């Protein structure tokens, strides 16, 4: 599998040091070159799911941020927007027409923005989630730091109003990097259970660690961020357990010294002592029940960025080599240079 980094800064720095701009441009992939019957059936299927909507058992076809460009010299992010259904189509076409080690996108101009967020507890543990949803769910059975699409709208009316340019306040907010910060905090509060901690201001300021790139399972870019939380791993786990979200079936907690071996699936030990979760290489045991577990490629790219910016470039290179040795292709593609 391919592990792709598109931008790796020399050091982590405050997210608020980035700037961004937003243009009201609806970016859509062009599928006209795929005219065979099978391709059309796939497009029709996704369109039908989008028409049904989440409440009807289909897709939650809201609007997402689209990453147009990043200017390295000025740390400026250019954004527009796209639909989730189009991202789903791009994913399915990519999986059908690209090999697992390919690092070049099938649709080079279509680049939805998602996030991967490392959260470190006050006692020094990074928080990861185990993706549930059953064996047929997308990327289930895999560990990933807390993450999520950078969503703009949350229901059909919001979407229609935004496309019709009736959401001037929301549109203006997308040109401020504070929107990304609010998105990241929302993911941590929802997936990490922080909404059930007693202190509302438990999160510190966010740091920017870089961008991961296209993979066959996630043909998009991820902005990689880091936050400290003023709570221990036990407090986080208790808060998460108050109202377990649909995204993760449990959380695990890793020290920096364990990150590299975990990324290479060579780590053995208890990773959540509060819910009897341990790993032994690629084997996972939860409450005594064993199964295999896997990584998500852009999560591994995020590990390289995290280790490089928190433990030094030499350690980051060692992490990249450990991931290569575990069977992955690792590519640092300097997509953004000016």
C-alpha atoms as a PDB file:
ATOM      1  CA  UNK A   1       0.000   0.000   0.000  1.00  0.00           C
ATOM      2  CA  UNK A   2       1.141   3.564  -0.668  1.00  0.00           C
ATOM      3  CA  UNK A   3       1.881   6.037   2.127  1.00  0.00           C
ATOM      4  CA  UNK A   4       2.090   9.537   0.643  1.00  0.00           C
ATOM      5  CA  UNK A   5       3.240  12.864   2.123  1.00  0.00           C
ATOM      6  CA  UNK A   6       2.608  16.060   0.136  1.00  0.00           C
ATOM      7  CA  UNK A   7       4.105  18.622   2.507  1.00  0.00           C
ATOM      8  CA  UNK A   8       6.383  18.167   5.502  1.00  0.00           C
ATOM      9  CA  UNK A   9       7.341  21.368   7.345  1.00  0.00           C
ATOM     10  CA  UNK A  10      10.673  21.546   9.133  1.00  0.00           C
ATOM     11  CA  UNK A  11       8.873  21.898  12.448  1.00  0.00           C
ATOM     12  CA  UNK A  12       5.383  22.001  13.865  1.00  0.00           C
ATOM     13  CA  UNK A  13       3.966  25.492  14.223  1.00  0.00           C
ATOM     14  CA  UNK A  14       0.666  27.011  15.377  1.00  0.00           C
ATOM     15  CA  UNK A  15      -2.254  26.372  13.063  1.00  0.00           C
ATOM     16  CA  UNK A  16      -3.160  30.041  13.431  1.00  0.00           C
ATOM     17  CA  UNK A  17       0.067  30.942  11.573  1.00  0.00           C
ATOM     18  CA  UNK A  18      -1.524  29.550   8.406  1.00  0.00           C
ATOM     19  CA  UNK A  19      -3.751  31.751   6.277  1.00  0.00           C
ATOM     20  CA  UNK A  20      -6.419  30.617   3.857  1.00  0.00           C
ATOM     21  CA  UNK A  21      -8.754  31.917   1.179  1.00  0.00           C
ATOM     22  CA  UNK A  22     -12.009  30.496  -0.151  1.00  0.00           C
ATOM     23  CA  UNK A  23     -13.572  30.811  -3.605  1.00  0.00           C
ATOM     24  CA  UNK A  24     -17.192  29.841  -4.226  1.00  0.00           C
ATOM     25  CA  UNK A  25     -16.307  27.265  -6.887  1.00  0.00           C
ATOM     26  CA  UNK A  26     -18.066  23.890  -7.023  1.00  0.00           C
ATOM     27  CA  UNK A  27     -15.316  21.476  -8.145  1.00  0.00           C
ATOM     28  CA  UNK A  28     -16.610  18.361  -9.898  1.00  0.00           C
ATOM     29  CA  UNK A  29     -14.690  15.417 -11.407  1.00  0.00           C
ATOM     30  CA  UNK A  30     -15.129  14.722 -15.114  1.00  0.00           C
ATOM     31  CA  UNK A  31     -16.179  11.129 -15.789  1.00  0.00           C
ATOM     32  CA  UNK A  32     -16.882  11.540 -19.526  1.00  0.00           C
ATOM     33  CA  UNK A  33     -13.917   9.389 -20.553  1.00  0.00           C
ATOM     34  CA  UNK A  34     -15.432   6.466 -18.632  1.00  0.00           C
ATOM     35  CA  UNK A  35     -18.355   5.627 -20.899  1.00  0.00           C
ATOM     36  CA  UNK A  36     -18.543   1.852 -20.515  1.00  0.00           C
ATOM     37  CA  UNK A  37     -21.658   0.238 -19.101  1.00  0.00           C
ATOM     38  CA  UNK A  38     -20.000  -0.780 -15.828  1.00  0.00           C
ATOM     39  CA  UNK A  39     -18.771   2.756 -15.143  1.00  0.00           C
ATOM     40  CA  UNK A  40     -22.182   4.246 -15.837  1.00  0.00           C
ATOM     41  CA  UNK A  41     -23.825   1.731 -13.514  1.00  0.00           C
ATOM     42  CA  UNK A  42     -21.426   2.748 -10.741  1.00  0.00           C
ATOM     43  CA  UNK A  43     -22.174   6.448 -11.255  1.00  0.00           C
ATOM     44  CA  UNK A  44     -25.915   5.775 -11.273  1.00  0.00           C
ATOM     45  CA  UNK A  45     -25.649   3.760  -8.056  1.00  0.00           C
ATOM     46  CA  UNK A  46     -23.874   6.562  -6.188  1.00  0.00           C
ATOM     47  CA  UNK A  47     -26.341   9.138  -7.538  1.00  0.00           C
ATOM     48  CA  UNK A  48     -29.221   7.004  -6.280  1.00  0.00           C
ATOM     49  CA  UNK A  49     -27.650   6.714  -2.826  1.00  0.00           C
ATOM     50  CA  UNK A  50     -27.119  10.473  -2.769  1.00  0.00           C
ATOM     51  CA  UNK A  51     -30.759  11.000  -3.719  1.00  0.00           C
ATOM     52  CA  UNK A  52     -31.891   8.756  -0.858  1.00  0.00           C
ATOM     53  CA  UNK A  53     -29.808  10.705   1.638  1.00  0.00           C
ATOM     54  CA  UNK A  54     -28.554   9.515   5.009  1.00  0.00           C
ATOM     55  CA  UNK A  55     -32.045   9.272   6.523  1.00  0.00           C
ATOM     56  CA  UNK A  56     -33.158   7.061   3.631  1.00  0.00           C
ATOM     57  CA  UNK A  57     -30.237   4.660   3.988  1.00  0.00           C
ATOM     58  CA  UNK A  58     -28.078   6.349   1.352  1.00  0.00           C
ATOM     59  CA  UNK A  59     -25.204   8.835   1.357  1.00  0.00           C
ATOM     60  CA  UNK A  60     -24.935  11.919   3.523  1.00  0.00           C
ATOM     61  CA  UNK A  61     -24.187  14.031   0.444  1.00  0.00           C
ATOM     62  CA  UNK A  62     -23.090  17.262   2.062  1.00  0.00           C
ATOM     63  CA  UNK A  63     -20.517  19.775   0.870  1.00  0.00           C
ATOM     64  CA  UNK A  64     -16.846  19.363   1.788  1.00  0.00           C
ATOM     65  CA  UNK A  65     -13.874  21.673   1.617  1.00  0.00           C
ATOM     66  CA  UNK A  66     -11.784  21.142  -1.513  1.00  0.00           C
ATOM     67  CA  UNK A  67      -8.047  21.851  -1.384  1.00  0.00           C
ATOM     68  CA  UNK A  68      -7.011  23.810  -4.470  1.00  0.00           C
ATOM     69  CA  UNK A  69      -3.432  24.652  -3.517  1.00  0.00           C
ATOM     70  CA  UNK A  70      -1.010  25.334  -0.693  1.00  0.00           C
ATOM     71  CA  UNK A  71       1.694  27.994  -0.999  1.00  0.00           C
ATOM     72  CA  UNK A  72       4.676  26.793   1.018  1.00  0.00           C
ATOM     73  CA  UNK A  73       6.513  30.118   1.010  1.00  0.00           C
ATOM     74  CA  UNK A  74       3.614  31.982   2.602  1.00  0.00           C
ATOM     75  CA  UNK A  75       1.846  29.055   4.332  1.00  0.00           C
ATOM     76  CA  UNK A  76      -1.361  29.978   2.521  1.00  0.00           C
ATOM     77  CA  UNK A  77      -4.133  27.461   1.828  1.00  0.00           C
ATOM     78  CA  UNK A  78      -6.530  27.926  -1.119  1.00  0.00           C
ATOM     79  CA  UNK A  79      -9.957  26.291  -0.787  1.00  0.00           C
ATOM     80  CA  UNK A  80     -13.169  25.714  -2.730  1.00  0.00           C
ATOM     81  CA  UNK A  81     -15.883  23.055  -2.272  1.00  0.00           C
ATOM     82  CA  UNK A  82     -17.084  19.679  -3.566  1.00  0.00           C
ATOM     83  CA  UNK A  83     -19.801  17.102  -2.867  1.00  0.00           C
ATOM     84  CA  UNK A  84     -19.337  13.929  -0.839  1.00  0.00           C
ATOM     85  CA  UNK A  85     -21.024  11.855  -3.585  1.00  0.00           C
ATOM     86  CA  UNK A  86     -18.349  12.968  -6.053  1.00  0.00           C
ATOM     87  CA  UNK A  87     -15.660  11.985  -3.550  1.00  0.00           C
ATOM     88  CA  UNK A  88     -17.313   8.563  -3.277  1.00  0.00           C
ATOM     89  CA  UNK A  89     -17.310   8.183  -7.077  1.00  0.00           C
ATOM     90  CA  UNK A  90     -13.638   9.163  -7.273  1.00  0.00           C
ATOM     91  CA  UNK A  91     -12.811   6.626  -4.560  1.00  0.00           C
ATOM     92  CA  UNK A  92     -14.635   3.788  -6.344  1.00  0.00           C
ATOM     93  CA  UNK A  93     -13.115   4.629  -9.737  1.00  0.00           C
ATOM     94  CA  UNK A  94      -9.651   4.879  -8.163  1.00  0.00           C
ATOM     95  CA  UNK A  95     -10.013   1.486  -6.503  1.00  0.00           C
ATOM     96  CA  UNK A  96     -11.119  -0.033  -9.812  1.00  0.00           C
ATOM     97  CA  UNK A  97      -8.437   1.480 -12.026  1.00  0.00           C
ATOM     98  CA  UNK A  98      -5.338   1.993  -9.838  1.00  0.00           C
ATOM     99  CA  UNK A  99      -3.021  -0.453  -8.104  1.00  0.00           C
ATOM    100  CA  UNK A 100      -2.545  -0.348  -4.341  1.00  0.00           C
ATOM    101  CA  UNK A 101       0.976   1.056  -4.623  1.00  0.00           C
ATOM    102  CA  UNK A 102       0.123   3.864  -7.068  1.00  0.00           C
ATOM    103  CA  UNK A 103       0.827   7.332  -5.697  1.00  0.00           C
ATOM    104  CA  UNK A 104      -0.621   9.435  -8.536  1.00  0.00           C
ATOM    105  CA  UNK A 105      -4.317  10.410  -8.314  1.00  0.00           C
ATOM    106  CA  UNK A 106      -6.701   9.256 -11.032  1.00  0.00           C
ATOM    107  CA  UNK A 107      -8.279  12.726 -10.992  1.00  0.00           C
ATOM    108  CA  UNK A 108      -5.361  15.081 -10.371  1.00  0.00           C
ATOM    109  CA  UNK A 109      -7.513  18.209 -10.034  1.00  0.00           C
ATOM    110  CA  UNK A 110     -10.041  16.762  -7.544  1.00  0.00           C
ATOM    111  CA  UNK A 111      -8.690  16.948  -4.007  1.00  0.00           C
ATOM    112  CA  UNK A 112     -11.159  16.963  -1.120  1.00  0.00           C
ATOM    113  CA  UNK A 113      -9.716  18.026   2.250  1.00  0.00           C
ATOM    114  CA  UNK A 114      -9.941  15.842   5.342  1.00  0.00           C
ATOM    115  CA  UNK A 115      -8.107  15.972   8.668  1.00  0.00           C
ATOM    116  CA  UNK A 116      -6.047  13.694  10.897  1.00  0.00           C
ATOM    117  CA  UNK A 117      -5.685  14.999  14.428  1.00  0.00           C
ATOM    118  CA  UNK A 118      -3.209  13.785  17.037  1.00  0.00           C
ATOM    119  CA  UNK A 119      -4.439  14.514  20.558  1.00  0.00           C
ATOM    120  CA  UNK A 120      -1.981  14.089  23.440  1.00  0.00           C
ATOM    121  CA  UNK A 121      -3.252  13.579  26.985  1.00  0.00           C
ATOM    122  CA  UNK A 122      -1.777  15.297  30.034  1.00  0.00           C
ATOM    123  CA  UNK A 123      -0.020  12.042  30.984  1.00  0.00           C
ATOM    124  CA  UNK A 124       1.666  11.755  27.587  1.00  0.00           C
ATOM    125  CA  UNK A 125      -0.465   9.450  25.425  1.00  0.00           C
ATOM    126  CA  UNK A 126      -1.664   9.951  21.846  1.00  0.00           C
ATOM    127  CA  UNK A 127      -5.287   8.968  21.259  1.00  0.00           C
ATOM    128  CA  UNK A 128      -6.260   6.653  18.380  1.00  0.00           C
ATOM    129  CA  UNK A 129      -9.618   5.188  17.402  1.00  0.00           C
ATOM    130  CA  UNK A 130     -10.530   1.734  16.092  1.00  0.00           C
ATOM    131  CA  UNK A 131     -12.908   2.126  13.183  1.00  0.00           C
ATOM    132  CA  UNK A 132     -16.061   0.042  13.459  1.00  0.00           C
ATOM    133  CA  UNK A 133     -19.092  -0.323  11.223  1.00  0.00           C
ATOM    134  CA  UNK A 134     -18.795  -4.026  10.394  1.00  0.00           C
ATOM    135  CA  UNK A 135     -16.701  -5.873   7.841  1.00  0.00           C
ATOM    136  CA  UNK A 136     -18.359  -4.138   4.868  1.00  0.00           C
ATOM    137  CA  UNK A 137     -17.888  -0.582   6.180  1.00  0.00           C
ATOM    138  CA  UNK A 138     -15.230   1.579   4.535  1.00  0.00           C
ATOM    139  CA  UNK A 139     -11.844   1.051   6.221  1.00  0.00           C
ATOM    140  CA  UNK A 140     -13.315  -0.808   9.187  1.00  0.00           C
ATOM    141  CA  UNK A 141     -11.036  -2.800  11.482  1.00  0.00           C
ATOM    142  CA  UNK A 142      -8.260  -0.200  11.272  1.00  0.00           C
ATOM    143  CA  UNK A 143      -6.611   2.184  13.699  1.00  0.00           C
ATOM    144  CA  UNK A 144      -6.321   5.894  12.976  1.00  0.00           C
ATOM    145  CA  UNK A 145      -5.805   9.024  15.055  1.00  0.00           C
ATOM    146  CA  UNK A 146      -9.034  10.999  15.365  1.00  0.00           C
ATOM    147  CA  UNK A 147     -10.046  12.256  11.930  1.00  0.00           C
ATOM    148  CA  UNK A 148     -12.818  13.485   9.676  1.00  0.00           C
ATOM    149  CA  UNK A 149     -13.826  15.200   6.445  1.00  0.00           C
ATOM    150  CA  UNK A 150     -13.772  19.007   6.552  1.00  0.00           C
ATOM    151  CA  UNK A 151     -17.532  19.336   6.164  1.00  0.00           C
ATOM    152  CA  UNK A 152     -19.199  22.631   5.244  1.00  0.00           C
ATOM    153  CA  UNK A 153     -22.927  21.798   5.359  1.00  0.00           C
ATOM    154  CA  UNK A 154     -24.888  19.317   7.460  1.00  0.00           C
ATOM    155  CA  UNK A 155     -28.322  18.993   5.839  1.00  0.00           C
ATOM    156  CA  UNK A 156     -29.978  19.447   2.404  1.00  0.00           C
ATOM    157  CA  UNK A 157     -31.270  22.958   3.158  1.00  0.00           C
ATOM    158  CA  UNK A 158     -27.862  24.209   4.287  1.00  0.00           C
ATOM    159  CA  UNK A 159     -26.361  22.689   1.143  1.00  0.00           C
ATOM    160  CA  UNK A 160     -28.923  24.261  -1.206  1.00  0.00           C
ATOM    161  CA  UNK A 161     -28.579  27.670   0.455  1.00  0.00           C
ATOM    162  CA  UNK A 162     -24.788  27.545   0.249  1.00  0.00           C
ATOM    163  CA  UNK A 163     -24.740  26.600  -3.438  1.00  0.00           C
ATOM    164  CA  UNK A 164     -27.245  29.413  -4.130  1.00  0.00           C
ATOM    165  CA  UNK A 165     -24.951  31.846  -2.245  1.00  0.00           C
ATOM    166  CA  UNK A 166     -27.497  32.500   0.473  1.00  0.00           C
ATOM    167  CA  UNK A 167     -24.996  31.721   3.257  1.00  0.00           C
ATOM    168  CA  UNK A 168     -22.785  34.800   3.263  1.00  0.00           C
ATOM    169  CA  UNK A 169     -21.685  34.455   6.899  1.00  0.00           C
ATOM    170  CA  UNK A 170     -20.715  30.794   6.472  1.00  0.00           C
ATOM    171  CA  UNK A 171     -18.959  31.504   3.180  1.00  0.00           C
ATOM    172  CA  UNK A 172     -16.959  34.340   4.723  1.00  0.00           C
ATOM    173  CA  UNK A 173     -15.901  32.104   7.629  1.00  0.00           C
ATOM    174  CA  UNK A 174     -14.350  29.577   5.224  1.00  0.00           C
ATOM    175  CA  UNK A 175     -11.692  32.134   4.316  1.00  0.00           C
ATOM    176  CA  UNK A 176     -10.383  32.156   7.889  1.00  0.00           C
ATOM    177  CA  UNK A 177      -8.093  29.416   9.244  1.00  0.00           C
ATOM    178  CA  UNK A 178     -10.171  29.530  12.440  1.00  0.00           C
ATOM    179  CA  UNK A 179     -12.726  27.435  10.536  1.00  0.00           C
ATOM    180  CA  UNK A 180     -10.218  24.552  10.327  1.00  0.00           C
ATOM    181  CA  UNK A 181      -9.517  24.935  14.041  1.00  0.00           C
ATOM    182  CA  UNK A 182     -13.236  24.775  14.873  1.00  0.00           C
ATOM    183  CA  UNK A 183     -13.598  21.716  12.646  1.00  0.00           C
ATOM    184  CA  UNK A 184     -10.697  19.942  14.390  1.00  0.00           C
ATOM    185  CA  UNK A 185     -12.012  20.744  17.852  1.00  0.00           C
ATOM    186  CA  UNK A 186     -15.426  19.461  16.821  1.00  0.00           C
ATOM    187  CA  UNK A 187     -13.906  16.147  15.716  1.00  0.00           C
ATOM    188  CA  UNK A 188     -12.036  15.787  19.011  1.00  0.00           C
ATOM    189  CA  UNK A 189     -15.106  16.626  21.058  1.00  0.00           C
ATOM    190  CA  UNK A 190     -17.251  14.153  19.106  1.00  0.00           C
ATOM    191  CA  UNK A 191     -14.864  11.252  18.432  1.00  0.00           C
ATOM    192  CA  UNK A 192     -12.750  11.702  21.554  1.00  0.00           C
ATOM    193  CA  UNK A 193     -15.661  12.266  23.913  1.00  0.00           C
ATOM    194  CA  UNK A 194     -14.324  15.614  25.117  1.00  0.00           C
ATOM    195  CA  UNK A 195     -17.841  17.046  25.273  1.00  0.00           C
ATOM    196  CA  UNK A 196     -18.248  14.958  28.427  1.00  0.00           C
ATOM    197  CA  UNK A 197     -15.166  16.349  30.178  1.00  0.00           C
ATOM    198  CA  UNK A 198     -15.869  18.858  32.929  1.00  0.00           C
ATOM    199  CA  UNK A 199     -13.614  21.601  31.545  1.00  0.00           C
ATOM    200  CA  UNK A 200     -14.892  23.157  28.331  1.00  0.00           C
ATOM    201  CA  UNK A 201     -11.514  24.722  27.576  1.00  0.00           C
ATOM    202  CA  UNK A 202      -9.546  21.492  28.055  1.00  0.00           C
ATOM    203  CA  UNK A 203      -7.938  21.716  24.595  1.00  0.00           C
ATOM    204  CA  UNK A 204      -4.852  23.798  23.955  1.00  0.00           C
ATOM    205  CA  UNK A 205      -4.028  25.512  20.680  1.00  0.00           C
ATOM    206  CA  UNK A 206      -3.608  23.412  17.552  1.00  0.00           C
ATOM    207  CA  UNK A 207      -0.315  22.853  15.722  1.00  0.00           C
ATOM    208  CA  UNK A 208       0.112  22.242  11.982  1.00  0.00           C
ATOM    209  CA  UNK A 209       2.213  19.168  11.060  1.00  0.00           C
ATOM    210  CA  UNK A 210       1.791  18.962   7.270  1.00  0.00           C
ATOM    211  CA  UNK A 211      -0.334  17.371   4.543  1.00  0.00           C
ATOM    212  CA  UNK A 212      -0.720  13.743   3.530  1.00  0.00           C
ATOM    213  CA  UNK A 213      -1.607  12.835  -0.054  1.00  0.00           C
ATOM    214  CA  UNK A 214      -3.638  10.514  -2.243  1.00  0.00           C
ATOM    215  CA  UNK A 215      -4.077   6.811  -1.466  1.00  0.00           C
ATOM    216  CA  UNK A 216      -6.228   4.263  -3.276  1.00  0.00           C
ATOM    217  CA  UNK A 217      -8.658   4.004  -0.333  1.00  0.00           C
ATOM    218  CA  UNK A 218      -8.619   7.736   0.425  1.00  0.00           C
ATOM    219  CA  UNK A 219      -8.028   9.755  -2.766  1.00  0.00           C
ATOM    220  CA  UNK A 220      -7.818  13.109  -0.993  1.00  0.00           C
ATOM    221  CA  UNK A 221      -5.501  15.276   1.099  1.00  0.00           C
ATOM    222  CA  UNK A 222      -5.406  15.381   4.892  1.00  0.00           C
ATOM    223  CA  UNK A 223      -4.265  18.318   6.973  1.00  0.00           C
ATOM    224  CA  UNK A 224      -2.412  16.832   9.956  1.00  0.00           C
ATOM    225  CA  UNK A 225      -2.804  18.644  13.271  1.00  0.00           C
ATOM    226  CA  UNK A 226      -1.859  18.200  16.924  1.00  0.00           C
ATOM    227  CA  UNK A 227      -3.608  19.316  20.114  1.00  0.00           C
ATOM    228  CA  UNK A 228      -2.842  18.810  23.792  1.00  0.00           C
ATOM    229  CA  UNK A 229      -5.764  18.027  26.090  1.00  0.00           C
ATOM    230  CA  UNK A 230      -5.781  18.844  29.805  1.00  0.00           C
ATOM    231  CA  UNK A 231      -7.002  15.382  30.783  1.00  0.00           C
ATOM    232  CA  UNK A 232      -5.399  12.001  31.438  1.00  0.00           C
ATOM    233  CA  UNK A 233      -5.991   8.991  29.210  1.00  0.00           C
ATOM    234  CA  UNK A 234      -8.277   7.556  31.901  1.00  0.00           C
ATOM    235  CA  UNK A 235     -10.353  10.743  31.952  1.00  0.00           C
ATOM    236  CA  UNK A 236     -10.568  10.779  28.144  1.00  0.00           C
ATOM    237  CA  UNK A 237     -11.576   7.127  28.026  1.00  0.00           C
ATOM    238  CA  UNK A 238     -14.261   7.646  30.656  1.00  0.00           C
ATOM    239  CA  UNK A 239     -15.610  10.686  28.789  1.00  0.00           C
ATOM    240  CA  UNK A 240     -15.659   8.749  25.497  1.00  0.00           C
ATOM    241  CA  UNK A 241     -17.521   5.890  27.172  1.00  0.00           C
ATOM    242  CA  UNK A 242     -20.381   8.134  28.337  1.00  0.00           C
ATOM    243  CA  UNK A 243     -21.748   8.295  24.794  1.00  0.00           C
ATOM    244  CA  UNK A 244     -19.800   6.092  22.376  1.00  0.00           C
ATOM    245  CA  UNK A 245     -19.825   7.514  18.853  1.00  0.00           C
ATOM    246  CA  UNK A 246     -20.471   5.493  15.707  1.00  0.00           C
ATOM    247  CA  UNK A 247     -17.000   6.130  14.299  1.00  0.00           C
ATOM    248  CA  UNK A 248     -14.879   4.132  16.750  1.00  0.00           C
ATOM    249  CA  UNK A 249     -15.602   0.985  18.761  1.00  0.00           C
ATOM    250  CA  UNK A 250     -12.840   1.815  21.259  1.00  0.00           C
ATOM    251  CA  UNK A 251      -9.903   4.153  21.777  1.00  0.00           C
ATOM    252  CA  UNK A 252      -6.260   3.272  22.389  1.00  0.00           C
ATOM    253  CA  UNK A 253      -3.410   5.254  23.901  1.00  0.00           C
ATOM    254  CA  UNK A 254       0.208   5.272  22.699  1.00  0.00           C
ATOM    255  CA  UNK A 255       3.332   6.924  24.060  1.00  0.00           C
ATOM    256  CA  UNK A 256       5.696   8.573  21.576  1.00  0.00           C
ATOM    257  CA  UNK A 257       8.197   5.765  22.198  1.00  0.00           C
ATOM    258  CA  UNK A 258       5.583   3.222  21.024  1.00  0.00           C
ATOM    259  CA  UNK A 259       4.474   5.066  17.896  1.00  0.00           C
ATOM    260  CA  UNK A 260       7.101   3.662  15.542  1.00  0.00           C
ATOM    261  CA  UNK A 261       6.668   0.001  16.457  1.00  0.00           C
ATOM    262  CA  UNK A 262       2.879   0.404  16.350  1.00  0.00           C
ATOM    263  CA  UNK A 263       3.071   1.932  12.860  1.00  0.00           C
ATOM    264  CA  UNK A 264       5.097  -1.089  11.721  1.00  0.00           C
ATOM    265  CA  UNK A 265       2.613  -3.474  13.416  1.00  0.00           C
ATOM    266  CA  UNK A 266       5.402  -4.760  15.654  1.00  0.00           C
ATOM    267  CA  UNK A 267       4.144  -3.395  18.951  1.00  0.00           C
ATOM    268  CA  UNK A 268       3.032  -5.764  21.704  1.00  0.00           C
ATOM    269  CA  UNK A 269       1.288  -4.705  24.874  1.00  0.00           C
ATOM    270  CA  UNK A 270      -1.814  -3.255  26.472  1.00  0.00           C
ATOM    271  CA  UNK A 271      -3.047  -0.200  24.552  1.00  0.00           C
ATOM    272  CA  UNK A 272      -6.184   0.460  26.606  1.00  0.00           C
ATOM    273  CA  UNK A 273      -6.028  -0.854  30.188  1.00  0.00           C
ATOM    274  CA  UNK A 274      -9.562   0.374  30.924  1.00  0.00           C
ATOM    275  CA  UNK A 275     -11.250  -1.824  28.295  1.00  0.00           C
ATOM    276  CA  UNK A 276      -8.858  -4.793  28.174  1.00  0.00           C
ATOM    277  CA  UNK A 277      -7.438  -3.964  24.735  1.00  0.00           C
ATOM    278  CA  UNK A 278      -3.995  -5.216  23.708  1.00  0.00           C
ATOM    279  CA  UNK A 279      -2.106  -5.763  20.476  1.00  0.00           C
ATOM    280  CA  UNK A 280       0.513  -8.347  19.613  1.00  0.00           C
ATOM    281  CA  UNK A 281       1.893  -7.374  16.224  1.00  0.00           C
ATOM    282  CA  UNK A 282      -1.037  -7.573  13.762  1.00  0.00           C
ATOM    283  CA  UNK A 283      -3.248  -9.362  16.293  1.00  0.00           C
ATOM    284  CA  UNK A 284      -5.780  -7.492  18.418  1.00  0.00           C
ATOM    285  CA  UNK A 285      -7.468  -8.710  21.588  1.00  0.00           C
ATOM    286  CA  UNK A 286     -10.526  -6.935  23.032  1.00  0.00           C
ATOM    287  CA  UNK A 287     -12.055  -8.473  26.157  1.00  0.00           C
ATOM    288  CA  UNK A 288     -10.237 -11.702  25.311  1.00  0.00           C
ATOM    289  CA  UNK A 289     -11.608 -11.898  21.752  1.00  0.00           C
ATOM    290  CA  UNK A 290      -8.913 -11.940  19.078  1.00  0.00           C
ATOM    291  CA  UNK A 291      -8.918 -10.618  15.523  1.00  0.00           C
ATOM    292  CA  UNK A 292      -6.537  -8.983  13.058  1.00  0.00           C
ATOM    293  CA  UNK A 293      -6.159  -5.221  12.770  1.00  0.00           C
ATOM    294  CA  UNK A 294      -4.791  -2.923  10.075  1.00  0.00           C
ATOM    295  CA  UNK A 295      -3.626   0.618   9.389  1.00  0.00           C
ATOM    296  CA  UNK A 296      -5.015   3.315   7.100  1.00  0.00           C
ATOM    297  CA  UNK A 297      -2.313   4.576   4.748  1.00  0.00           C
ATOM    298  CA  UNK A 298      -2.806   8.300   5.320  1.00  0.00           C
ATOM    299  CA  UNK A 299      -2.678   7.570   9.042  1.00  0.00           C
ATOM    300  CA  UNK A 300       0.799   6.105   8.551  1.00  0.00           C
ATOM    301  CA  UNK A 301       1.834   9.199   6.590  1.00  0.00           C
ATOM    302  CA  UNK A 302       0.557  11.269   9.507  1.00  0.00           C
ATOM    303  CA  UNK A 303       2.720   9.212  11.907  1.00  0.00           C
ATOM    304  CA  UNK A 304       5.822  10.134   9.893  1.00  0.00           C
ATOM    305  CA  UNK A 305       4.850  13.817  10.094  1.00  0.00           C
ATOM    306  CA  UNK A 306       4.151  13.554  13.829  1.00  0.00           C
ATOM    307  CA  UNK A 307       7.412  11.766  14.643  1.00  0.00           C
ATOM    308  CA  UNK A 308       9.443  14.135  12.433  1.00  0.00           C
ATOM    309  CA  UNK A 309       8.012  17.285  14.008  1.00  0.00           C
ATOM    310  CA  UNK A 310       7.956  16.049  17.622  1.00  0.00           C
ATOM    311  CA  UNK A 311      10.990  13.752  17.848  1.00  0.00           C
ATOM    312  CA  UNK A 312      13.260  15.022  15.081  1.00  0.00           C
ATOM    313  CA  UNK A 313      13.833  14.390  11.384  1.00  0.00           C
ATOM    314  CA  UNK A 314      16.162  11.438  12.014  1.00  0.00           C
ATOM    315  CA  UNK A 315      13.457   9.700  14.030  1.00  0.00           C
ATOM    316  CA  UNK A 316      10.948  10.559  11.321  1.00  0.00           C
ATOM    317  CA  UNK A 317      13.173   8.916   8.716  1.00  0.00           C
ATOM    318  CA  UNK A 318      13.437   5.841  10.938  1.00  0.00           C
ATOM    319  CA  UNK A 319       9.648   5.738  11.204  1.00  0.00           C
ATOM    320  CA  UNK A 320       9.366   5.939   7.420  1.00  0.00           C
ATOM    321  CA  UNK A 321      11.852   3.077   7.033  1.00  0.00           C
ATOM    322  CA  UNK A 322      10.026   0.945   9.602  1.00  0.00           C
ATOM    323  CA  UNK A 323       6.804   1.475   7.646  1.00  0.00           C
ATOM    324  CA  UNK A 324       8.593   0.516   4.404  1.00  0.00           C
ATOM    325  CA  UNK A 325       9.981  -2.601   6.050  1.00  0.00           C
ATOM    326  CA  UNK A 326       6.443  -3.583   7.054  1.00  0.00           C
ATOM    327  CA  UNK A 327       5.471  -3.753   3.376  1.00  0.00           C
ATOM    328  CA  UNK A 328       4.349  -0.249   2.391  1.00  0.00           C
ATOM    329  CA  UNK A 329       5.550   2.101  -0.323  1.00  0.00           C
ATOM    330  CA  UNK A 330       6.460   5.459   1.273  1.00  0.00           C
ATOM    331  CA  UNK A 331       6.591   8.491  -1.016  1.00  0.00           C
ATOM    332  CA  UNK A 332       7.373  12.088  -0.074  1.00  0.00           C
ATOM    333  CA  UNK A 333       5.952  13.933  -3.083  1.00  0.00           C
ATOM    334  CA  UNK A 334       6.666  17.651  -2.798  1.00  0.00           C
ATOM    335  CA  UNK A 335       3.412  18.722  -4.421  1.00  0.00           C
ATOM    336  CA  UNK A 336       3.447  22.232  -2.979  1.00  0.00           C
ATOM    337  CA  UNK A 337       6.685  24.142  -3.558  1.00  0.00           C
ATOM    338  CA  UNK A 338       5.866  27.825  -4.047  1.00  0.00           C
END
